[in-house]
C-alpha atoms as a PDB file:
ATOM      1  CA  UNK A   1      62.554  77.736 104.755  1.00  0.00           C
ATOM      2  CA  UNK A   2      65.307  80.158 105.742  1.00  0.00           C
ATOM      3  CA  UNK A   3      66.749  80.136 109.222  1.00  0.00           C
ATOM      4  CA  UNK A   4      67.512  83.531 110.694  1.00  0.00           C
ATOM      5  CA  UNK A   5      69.295  84.283 113.940  1.00  0.00           C
ATOM      6  CA  UNK A   6      66.812  85.371 116.583  1.00  0.00           C
ATOM      7  CA  UNK A   7      66.695  89.035 117.532  1.00  0.00           C
ATOM      8  CA  UNK A   8      67.361  90.005 121.106  1.00  0.00           C
ATOM      9  CA  UNK A   9      71.059  89.795 121.870  1.00  0.00           C
ATOM     10  CA  UNK A  10      71.604  86.063 121.555  1.00  0.00           C
ATOM     11  CA  UNK A  11      74.611  86.490 119.255  1.00  0.00           C
ATOM     12  CA  UNK A  12      77.816  85.032 120.647  1.00  0.00           C
ATOM     13  CA  UNK A  13      80.951  87.158 120.417  1.00  0.00           C
ATOM     14  CA  UNK A  14      84.329  85.536 120.098  1.00  0.00           C
ATOM     15  CA  UNK A  15      86.606  87.996 121.897  1.00  0.00           C
ATOM     16  CA  UNK A  16      89.769  86.304 120.642  1.00  0.00           C
ATOM     17  CA  UNK A  17      88.617  86.582 117.029  1.00  0.00           C
ATOM     18  CA  UNK A  18      87.681  90.228 117.544  1.00  0.00           C
ATOM     19  CA  UNK A  19      91.133  90.956 118.992  1.00  0.00           C
ATOM     20  CA  UNK A  20      92.797  89.229 116.029  1.00  0.00           C
ATOM     21  CA  UNK A  21      90.705  91.263 113.586  1.00  0.00           C
ATOM     22  CA  UNK A  22      91.714  94.464 115.372  1.00  0.00           C
ATOM     23  CA  UNK A  23      95.418  93.539 115.198  1.00  0.00           C
ATOM     24  CA  UNK A  24      95.116  92.692 111.492  1.00  0.00           C
ATOM     25  CA  UNK A  25      93.543  96.089 110.909  1.00  0.00           C
ATOM     26  CA  UNK A  26      96.385  97.798 112.727  1.00  0.00           C
ATOM     27  CA  UNK A  27      98.902  95.895 110.596  1.00  0.00           C
ATOM     28  CA  UNK A  28      97.104  96.911 107.412  1.00  0.00           C
ATOM     29  CA  UNK A  29      97.120 100.565 108.465  1.00  0.00           C
ATOM     30  CA  UNK A  30     100.828 100.435 109.356  1.00  0.00           C
ATOM     31  CA  UNK A  31     101.694  98.699 106.090  1.00  0.00           C
ATOM     32  CA  UNK A  32      99.741 101.193 104.017  1.00  0.00           C
ATOM     33  CA  UNK A  33     101.456 104.118 105.746  1.00  0.00           C
ATOM     34  CA  UNK A  34     104.953 102.663 105.298  1.00  0.00           C
ATOM     35  CA  UNK A  35     107.076 103.571 102.308  1.00  0.00           C
ATOM     36  CA  UNK A  36     108.586 100.072 102.144  1.00  0.00           C
ATOM     37  CA  UNK A  37     107.915  96.658 103.634  1.00  0.00           C
ATOM     38  CA  UNK A  38     107.491  96.563 107.396  1.00  0.00           C
ATOM     39  CA  UNK A  39     110.484  95.169 109.230  1.00  0.00           C
ATOM     40  CA  UNK A  40     109.988  92.375 111.744  1.00  0.00           C
ATOM     41  CA  UNK A  41     110.668  94.896 114.493  1.00  0.00           C
ATOM     42  CA  UNK A  42     107.974  97.204 113.130  1.00  0.00           C
ATOM     43  CA  UNK A  43     105.489  94.339 112.981  1.00  0.00           C
ATOM     44  CA  UNK A  44     106.310  93.381 116.567  1.00  0.00           C
ATOM     45  CA  UNK A  45     105.780  96.998 117.603  1.00  0.00           C
ATOM     46  CA  UNK A  46     102.379  97.178 115.903  1.00  0.00           C
ATOM     47  CA  UNK A  47     101.336  93.862 117.463  1.00  0.00           C
ATOM     48  CA  UNK A  48     102.713  94.955 120.850  1.00  0.00           C
ATOM     49  CA  UNK A  49     104.762  91.756 121.151  1.00  0.00           C
ATOM     50  CA  UNK A  50     107.238  93.224 123.646  1.00  0.00           C
ATOM     51  CA  UNK A  51     104.389  94.318 125.921  1.00  0.00           C
ATOM     52  CA  UNK A  52     103.001  90.770 125.966  1.00  0.00           C
ATOM     53  CA  UNK A  53     106.389  89.269 126.794  1.00  0.00           C
ATOM     54  CA  UNK A  54     106.941  91.687 129.680  1.00  0.00           C
ATOM     55  CA  UNK A  55     103.425  91.201 131.058  1.00  0.00           C
END
């Protein structure tokens, strides 16, 4: 017998995991557009590290 998730919006969303997936996607896009490796400063910019520190 197979168990299937019930239909009707009972799925749980992990907002932290979704945010991490979005940031990983942004890093992948930035890395693919760069001609060379991303610098630590570039990575911080993509991840908006400075914004988090100021906030």
